């Protein structure tokens, strides 16, 4: 009887220890498998193609045919057609959230097939950009710095026996981006390019009477106005939430409340707020500011000092 009780006691002690050991081994094995899993490269894809036809999936098919393990993230394919400034703005807003080594493939290319150059650009953040040299990189490089740039001339990185004069997204940018994502040495894409095309951006200017700036874009379907005036510069004028701000928007003089968020004013009422990117912005609560006030960027803006 004593032997039976001793055996039961040993079982009660040993079983939990064995279970803990098994769980520890399983956790260690899972961690080792995770650390040994191959890194999946990231391609962020942006165009002004829209999504009503097959242009975007064709480009993705080209990328996956070369880099089948790549994760392709759609930034947007609804860039305002031909708007290099909008493309530059979206790149500027998105790139900080992706790691070094990410490949951005961008096709906003109103002069496709002309003498404009196709390039690969590397920023000092370690990100790669495959795109036309037309100013798309202006805002990103002003913030992140330029590591280097190369013209795309290596035909072995392109597809097709003949390059289309109107679909470089398929024939040049997509395959080059995929080669980079697959681990190819970016310096093999072509010769170094010393200078890149820049957009001519008008900075906001502080004056004695206030700030002169510009509405340069709209916030998607909502019609909020995006300006080149930073929230930090606006706050230097002395305003606090709840106060009215005198602005001149184009030819219109307006007195609008500065609030924290849209719901701080009644539905249908205009407002001023600092948007999620830290910019001075204008909106109408649950309505479209641009449509109501007939705003089409670029539009001059003046914000009076308090």
Foldseek 3Di string as FASTA:
>chain_A
DVVVVVVVVVCVVVVVVVVVVVVVVVVVVVVVCVVPDDDAAEEEEEALQDDPDCLVVLLVVLLCVLRVRHDYHYLDNNQPQLDLVSLLVSCLVPVVVDAALHEYQYERCPPFLDPWFWKWWAFQRNYIYTYTQAASCANVCVPGNTPFMFTQDPQVQFDDPDDDRPRCSNGPRSSLSSCSSNPDDRPVRHGTDDDTHHDDDDAWDADPFFIKWWQADADPPQQKTFINAFLVRRCVLPDDAPAWWWKQKANDTDTAGEHDDQVVDDAQGKHWYQDPVRTIMIGGRVHHPCVVVVDDPGIIMTTGRD
